[in-house]
């Protein structure tokens, strides 16, 4: 959750995040103001992927997914996310997607079933 993040420095800009957990979930998210879109390309519980949209002003704990009821906003944010990611890829600014975890963190995640 980005609920505790200090978003003041991001006013007027979007924050893009890319994440991948081996065989668990791969996706990206964008934070624009109080709007947080999570775009999973695949997840352990949604192999076809899914979008989640949250309004952090009214739902800081991200419990109420608004993607279905605010589909146009979700699509707009997804388009902005895709455009920004394409720009970063062209500039060679994205990592190759490999996860580098310390042995301790990897062991803890494995014990919880997040890493195989």
N, C-alpha and C. Protein backbone atom coordinates (compact mmCIF):
# COMPACT_ATOMS: atom_id res chain seq x y z
N UNK A 1 0.83 -1.19 0.00
CA UNK A 1 0.00 0.00 0.00
C UNK A 1 0.87 1.25 0.00
N UNK A 2 0.43 2.23 -0.73
CA UNK A 2 1.13 3.51 -0.75
C UNK A 2 0.49 4.51 0.20
N UNK A 3 -0.35 4.05 1.10
CA UNK A 3 -1.12 4.93 1.96
C UNK A 3 -0.24 5.80 2.83
N UNK A 4 0.88 5.31 3.26
CA UNK A 4 1.74 6.06 4.16
C UNK A 4 2.78 6.90 3.42
N UNK A 5 2.81 6.83 2.11
CA UNK A 5 3.81 7.56 1.33
C UNK A 5 3.57 9.06 1.41
N UNK A 6 4.63 9.82 1.49
CA UNK A 6 4.52 11.27 1.45
C UNK A 6 4.43 11.66 -0.01
N UNK A 7 3.22 12.04 -0.46
CA UNK A 7 2.99 12.31 -1.87
C UNK A 7 3.20 13.78 -2.22
N UNK A 8 3.47 14.64 -1.26
CA UNK A 8 3.61 16.07 -1.55
C UNK A 8 4.65 16.35 -2.64
N UNK A 9 5.82 15.72 -2.63
CA UNK A 9 6.80 16.01 -3.68
C UNK A 9 6.35 15.59 -5.07
N UNK A 10 5.28 14.80 -5.18
CA UNK A 10 4.83 14.29 -6.47
C UNK A 10 3.68 15.10 -7.04
N UNK A 11 3.32 16.19 -6.39
CA UNK A 11 2.17 16.98 -6.85
C UNK A 11 2.34 17.33 -8.33
N UNK A 12 1.31 17.01 -9.12
CA UNK A 12 1.33 17.31 -10.55
C UNK A 12 2.09 16.31 -11.39
N UNK A 13 2.67 15.30 -10.77
CA UNK A 13 3.43 14.29 -11.51
C UNK A 13 2.90 12.91 -11.19
N UNK A 14 3.31 11.93 -11.96
CA UNK A 14 2.91 10.54 -11.72
C UNK A 14 4.13 9.74 -11.30
N UNK A 15 3.95 8.84 -10.40
CA UNK A 15 4.99 7.92 -9.94
C UNK A 15 4.68 6.57 -10.54
N UNK A 16 5.67 5.96 -11.22
CA UNK A 16 5.49 4.66 -11.86
C UNK A 16 6.36 3.65 -11.13
N UNK A 17 5.79 2.47 -10.85
CA UNK A 17 6.51 1.41 -10.19
C UNK A 17 6.35 0.14 -11.00
N UNK A 18 7.43 -0.64 -11.10
CA UNK A 18 7.37 -1.94 -11.77
C UNK A 18 7.82 -2.98 -10.77
N UNK A 19 7.10 -4.10 -10.69
CA UNK A 19 7.46 -5.14 -9.73
C UNK A 19 7.19 -6.51 -10.32
N UNK A 20 7.94 -7.46 -9.87
CA UNK A 20 7.72 -8.84 -10.29
C UNK A 20 8.19 -9.79 -9.21
N UNK A 21 7.33 -10.74 -8.90
CA UNK A 21 7.68 -11.79 -7.96
C UNK A 21 7.56 -13.10 -8.73
N UNK A 22 8.65 -13.82 -8.80
CA UNK A 22 8.70 -15.04 -9.58
C UNK A 22 7.48 -15.92 -9.34
N UNK A 23 6.75 -16.20 -10.40
CA UNK A 23 5.59 -17.10 -10.42
C UNK A 23 4.46 -16.63 -9.52
N UNK A 24 4.50 -15.44 -8.97
CA UNK A 24 3.45 -14.98 -8.08
C UNK A 24 2.66 -13.83 -8.70
N UNK A 25 3.35 -12.77 -9.04
CA UNK A 25 2.67 -11.61 -9.63
C UNK A 25 3.68 -10.76 -10.38
N UNK A 26 3.25 -10.21 -11.49
CA UNK A 26 4.07 -9.29 -12.27
C UNK A 26 3.17 -8.14 -12.63
N UNK A 27 3.60 -6.94 -12.36
CA UNK A 27 2.76 -5.81 -12.69
C UNK A 27 3.45 -4.48 -12.50
N UNK A 28 2.67 -3.45 -12.75
CA UNK A 28 3.15 -2.08 -12.63
C UNK A 28 2.05 -1.29 -11.96
N UNK A 29 2.43 -0.17 -11.39
CA UNK A 29 1.41 0.70 -10.82
C UNK A 29 1.79 2.14 -11.08
N UNK A 30 0.78 2.98 -11.01
CA UNK A 30 0.99 4.41 -11.19
C UNK A 30 0.22 5.14 -10.09
N UNK A 31 0.85 6.12 -9.52
CA UNK A 31 0.24 6.95 -8.50
C UNK A 31 0.19 8.36 -9.05
N UNK A 32 -1.03 8.90 -9.19
CA UNK A 32 -1.21 10.26 -9.69
C UNK A 32 -2.14 10.96 -8.71
N UNK A 33 -1.58 11.89 -7.95
CA UNK A 33 -2.37 12.53 -6.91
C UNK A 33 -2.80 11.48 -5.91
N UNK A 34 -4.09 11.38 -5.67
CA UNK A 34 -4.64 10.37 -4.76
C UNK A 34 -5.09 9.10 -5.48
N UNK A 35 -4.92 9.05 -6.79
CA UNK A 35 -5.36 7.91 -7.58
C UNK A 35 -4.22 6.91 -7.73
N UNK A 36 -4.48 5.67 -7.38
CA UNK A 36 -3.47 4.62 -7.47
C UNK A 36 -4.02 3.48 -8.32
N UNK A 37 -3.42 3.28 -9.49
CA UNK A 37 -3.79 2.18 -10.37
C UNK A 37 -2.74 1.10 -10.27
N UNK A 38 -3.18 -0.12 -10.05
CA UNK A 38 -2.30 -1.29 -10.05
C UNK A 38 -2.70 -2.12 -11.26
N UNK A 39 -1.76 -2.36 -12.15
CA UNK A 39 -2.03 -3.13 -13.37
C UNK A 39 -1.19 -4.40 -13.31
N UNK A 40 -1.82 -5.50 -12.92
CA UNK A 40 -1.13 -6.78 -12.84
C UNK A 40 -1.22 -7.47 -14.19
N UNK A 41 -0.07 -7.83 -14.74
CA UNK A 41 -0.05 -8.58 -15.99
C UNK A 41 -0.45 -10.03 -15.74
N UNK A 42 -0.06 -10.53 -14.57
CA UNK A 42 -0.49 -11.85 -14.13
C UNK A 42 -0.27 -11.91 -12.62
N UNK A 43 -1.03 -12.75 -11.98
CA UNK A 43 -0.92 -12.94 -10.54
C UNK A 43 -1.31 -14.37 -10.21
N UNK A 44 -0.90 -14.84 -9.05
CA UNK A 44 -1.21 -16.21 -8.67
C UNK A 44 -2.72 -16.44 -8.64
N UNK A 45 -3.50 -15.41 -8.34
CA UNK A 45 -4.95 -15.57 -8.28
C UNK A 45 -5.66 -14.98 -9.50
N UNK A 46 -4.90 -14.47 -10.47
CA UNK A 46 -5.48 -13.91 -11.70
C UNK A 46 -4.48 -14.07 -12.84
N UNK A 47 -4.34 -15.29 -13.37
CA UNK A 47 -3.34 -15.52 -14.42
C UNK A 47 -3.53 -14.65 -15.66
N UNK A 48 -4.76 -14.20 -15.89
CA UNK A 48 -5.02 -13.34 -17.05
C UNK A 48 -4.75 -11.87 -16.75
N UNK A 49 -4.42 -11.56 -15.50
CA UNK A 49 -4.14 -10.19 -15.10
C UNK A 49 -5.39 -9.46 -14.64
N UNK A 50 -5.20 -8.28 -14.09
CA UNK A 50 -6.32 -7.47 -13.65
C UNK A 50 -5.85 -6.06 -13.35
N UNK A 51 -6.81 -5.14 -13.27
CA UNK A 51 -6.54 -3.76 -12.88
C UNK A 51 -7.26 -3.49 -11.57
N UNK A 52 -6.61 -2.73 -10.71
CA UNK A 52 -7.23 -2.28 -9.46
C UNK A 52 -7.01 -0.77 -9.38
N UNK A 53 -8.03 -0.07 -8.95
CA UNK A 53 -7.97 1.39 -8.83
C UNK A 53 -8.43 1.79 -7.44
N UNK A 54 -7.63 2.64 -6.80
CA UNK A 54 -7.96 3.10 -5.45
C UNK A 54 -7.86 4.62 -5.37
N UNK A 55 -8.72 5.21 -4.55
CA UNK A 55 -8.66 6.63 -4.22
C UNK A 55 -8.09 6.71 -2.82
N UNK A 56 -6.82 7.08 -2.72
CA UNK A 56 -6.13 7.07 -1.44
C UNK A 56 -6.64 8.13 -0.48
N UNK A 57 -7.32 9.15 -0.98
CA UNK A 57 -7.88 10.17 -0.09
C UNK A 57 -9.03 9.58 0.73
N UNK A 58 -9.89 8.81 0.09
CA UNK A 58 -11.04 8.24 0.80
C UNK A 58 -10.81 6.80 1.25
N UNK A 59 -9.78 6.15 0.71
CA UNK A 59 -9.51 4.74 1.01
C UNK A 59 -8.00 4.51 1.12
N UNK A 60 -7.37 5.07 2.16
CA UNK A 60 -5.91 4.97 2.25
C UNK A 60 -5.38 3.55 2.44
N UNK A 61 -6.22 2.63 2.86
CA UNK A 61 -5.77 1.25 3.05
C UNK A 61 -6.04 0.37 1.83
N UNK A 62 -6.53 0.98 0.76
CA UNK A 62 -6.77 0.28 -0.51
C UNK A 62 -7.65 -0.96 -0.32
N UNK A 63 -8.81 -0.76 0.24
CA UNK A 63 -9.75 -1.87 0.48
C UNK A 63 -10.89 -1.90 -0.53
N UNK A 64 -11.16 -0.77 -1.19
CA UNK A 64 -12.30 -0.69 -2.10
C UNK A 64 -11.81 -0.43 -3.53
N UNK A 65 -11.78 -1.48 -4.35
CA UNK A 65 -11.32 -1.39 -5.73
C UNK A 65 -12.38 -0.67 -6.57
N UNK A 66 -11.99 0.43 -7.20
CA UNK A 66 -12.91 1.24 -8.00
C UNK A 66 -12.78 1.01 -9.50
N UNK A 67 -11.98 0.05 -9.92
CA UNK A 67 -11.72 -0.15 -11.35
C UNK A 67 -12.99 -0.38 -12.15
N UNK A 68 -13.93 -1.15 -11.62
CA UNK A 68 -15.16 -1.43 -12.36
C UNK A 68 -16.07 -0.21 -12.42
N UNK A 69 -16.19 0.50 -11.31
CA UNK A 69 -17.11 1.63 -11.28
C UNK A 69 -16.52 2.90 -11.90
N UNK A 70 -15.20 2.96 -12.02
CA UNK A 70 -14.56 4.13 -12.62
C UNK A 70 -13.63 3.67 -13.75
N UNK A 71 -14.22 2.88 -14.64
CA UNK A 71 -13.46 2.27 -15.73
C UNK A 71 -12.76 3.25 -16.64
N UNK A 72 -13.40 4.40 -16.90
CA UNK A 72 -12.78 5.39 -17.79
C UNK A 72 -11.51 5.95 -17.17
N UNK A 73 -11.55 6.25 -15.86
CA UNK A 73 -10.36 6.74 -15.17
C UNK A 73 -9.28 5.66 -15.15
N UNK A 74 -9.68 4.41 -14.88
CA UNK A 74 -8.72 3.31 -14.87
C UNK A 74 -8.05 3.17 -16.23
N UNK A 75 -8.82 3.28 -17.31
CA UNK A 75 -8.26 3.18 -18.67
C UNK A 75 -7.32 4.35 -18.96
N UNK A 76 -7.69 5.54 -18.52
CA UNK A 76 -6.84 6.72 -18.73
C UNK A 76 -5.51 6.55 -18.01
N UNK A 77 -5.56 6.09 -16.77
CA UNK A 77 -4.33 5.88 -16.01
C UNK A 77 -3.50 4.75 -16.61
N UNK A 78 -4.16 3.70 -17.10
CA UNK A 78 -3.43 2.59 -17.72
C UNK A 78 -2.74 3.07 -19.00
N UNK A 79 -3.42 3.89 -19.79
CA UNK A 79 -2.79 4.45 -21.00
C UNK A 79 -1.59 5.31 -20.64
N UNK A 80 -1.72 6.13 -19.61
CA UNK A 80 -0.60 6.97 -19.16
C UNK A 80 0.55 6.11 -18.67
N UNK A 81 0.23 5.05 -17.93
CA UNK A 81 1.25 4.13 -17.44
C UNK A 81 1.97 3.45 -18.59
N UNK A 82 1.21 2.93 -19.55
CA UNK A 82 1.82 2.26 -20.70
C UNK A 82 2.71 3.21 -21.50
N UNK A 83 2.26 4.45 -21.66
CA UNK A 83 3.06 5.44 -22.38
C UNK A 83 4.36 5.75 -21.67
N UNK A 84 4.28 5.91 -20.36
CA UNK A 84 5.49 6.22 -19.58
C UNK A 84 6.47 5.04 -19.60
N UNK A 85 5.94 3.84 -19.46
CA UNK A 85 6.79 2.65 -19.49
C UNK A 85 7.47 2.53 -20.86
N UNK A 86 6.73 2.78 -21.94
CA UNK A 86 7.31 2.73 -23.28
C UNK A 86 8.44 3.75 -23.42
N UNK A 87 8.24 4.95 -22.88
CA UNK A 87 9.29 5.97 -22.90
C UNK A 87 10.53 5.49 -22.15
N UNK A 88 10.33 4.90 -20.99
CA UNK A 88 11.45 4.41 -20.19
C UNK A 88 12.17 3.26 -20.87
N UNK A 89 11.41 2.38 -21.53
CA UNK A 89 12.03 1.27 -22.25
C UNK A 89 12.88 1.78 -23.41
N UNK A 90 12.35 2.76 -24.15
CA UNK A 90 13.12 3.33 -25.27
C UNK A 90 14.41 3.98 -24.78
N UNK A 91 14.35 4.57 -23.60
CA UNK A 91 15.52 5.24 -23.04
C UNK A 91 16.47 4.26 -22.35
N UNK A 92 16.06 2.97 -22.28
CA UNK A 92 16.91 1.97 -21.61
C UNK A 92 16.96 2.18 -20.11
N UNK A 93 15.93 2.79 -19.56
CA UNK A 93 15.94 3.14 -18.14
C UNK A 93 15.26 2.12 -17.24
N UNK A 94 14.74 1.03 -17.82
CA UNK A 94 14.11 0.01 -16.98
C UNK A 94 15.07 -1.14 -16.76
N UNK A 95 15.01 -1.68 -15.57
CA UNK A 95 15.82 -2.85 -15.24
C UNK A 95 15.35 -4.03 -16.08
N UNK A 96 16.16 -5.04 -16.17
CA UNK A 96 15.82 -6.22 -16.95
C UNK A 96 14.76 -7.10 -16.34
N UNK A 97 14.23 -6.73 -15.20
CA UNK A 97 13.17 -7.51 -14.60
C UNK A 97 13.64 -8.55 -13.61
N UNK A 98 14.94 -8.64 -13.40
CA UNK A 98 15.44 -9.62 -12.44
C UNK A 98 15.25 -9.06 -11.04
N UNK A 99 14.86 -9.95 -10.12
CA UNK A 99 14.72 -9.56 -8.73
C UNK A 99 15.99 -9.93 -8.00
N UNK A 100 16.53 -8.99 -7.28
CA UNK A 100 17.73 -9.24 -6.50
C UNK A 100 17.33 -9.11 -5.03
N UNK A 101 17.29 -10.25 -4.35
CA UNK A 101 16.90 -10.28 -2.95
C UNK A 101 18.07 -10.78 -2.12
N UNK A 102 18.19 -10.26 -0.92
CA UNK A 102 19.20 -10.79 -0.03
C UNK A 102 18.81 -12.23 0.33
N UNK A 103 19.76 -13.02 0.75
CA UNK A 103 19.46 -14.42 1.09
C UNK A 103 18.45 -14.49 2.23
N UNK A 104 18.55 -13.57 3.18
CA UNK A 104 17.63 -13.55 4.32
C UNK A 104 16.20 -13.24 3.86
N UNK A 105 16.05 -12.22 3.02
CA UNK A 105 14.72 -11.85 2.53
C UNK A 105 14.15 -12.97 1.68
N UNK A 106 14.97 -13.55 0.82
CA UNK A 106 14.49 -14.65 -0.03
C UNK A 106 14.04 -15.84 0.82
N UNK A 107 14.78 -16.16 1.87
CA UNK A 107 14.40 -17.27 2.75
C UNK A 107 13.08 -16.99 3.46
N UNK A 108 12.89 -15.76 3.90
CA UNK A 108 11.63 -15.40 4.56
C UNK A 108 10.46 -15.48 3.58
N UNK A 109 10.65 -14.98 2.36
CA UNK A 109 9.59 -15.04 1.35
C UNK A 109 9.29 -16.48 0.96
N UNK A 110 10.31 -17.31 0.90
CA UNK A 110 10.12 -18.73 0.56
C UNK A 110 9.30 -19.40 1.67
N UNK A 111 9.62 -19.11 2.93
CA UNK A 111 8.89 -19.69 4.04
C UNK A 111 7.42 -19.29 4.02
N UNK A 112 7.14 -18.12 3.52
CA UNK A 112 5.76 -17.65 3.42
C UNK A 112 5.06 -18.13 2.14
N UNK A 113 5.82 -18.77 1.25
CA UNK A 113 5.24 -19.28 0.02
C UNK A 113 5.24 -18.32 -1.14
N UNK A 114 5.93 -17.18 -1.01
CA UNK A 114 5.96 -16.19 -2.07
C UNK A 114 7.01 -16.48 -3.13
N UNK A 115 8.04 -17.24 -2.78
CA UNK A 115 9.12 -17.58 -3.70
C UNK A 115 9.28 -19.09 -3.69
N UNK A 116 9.42 -19.66 -4.88
CA UNK A 116 9.61 -21.11 -4.96
C UNK A 116 11.07 -21.44 -5.17
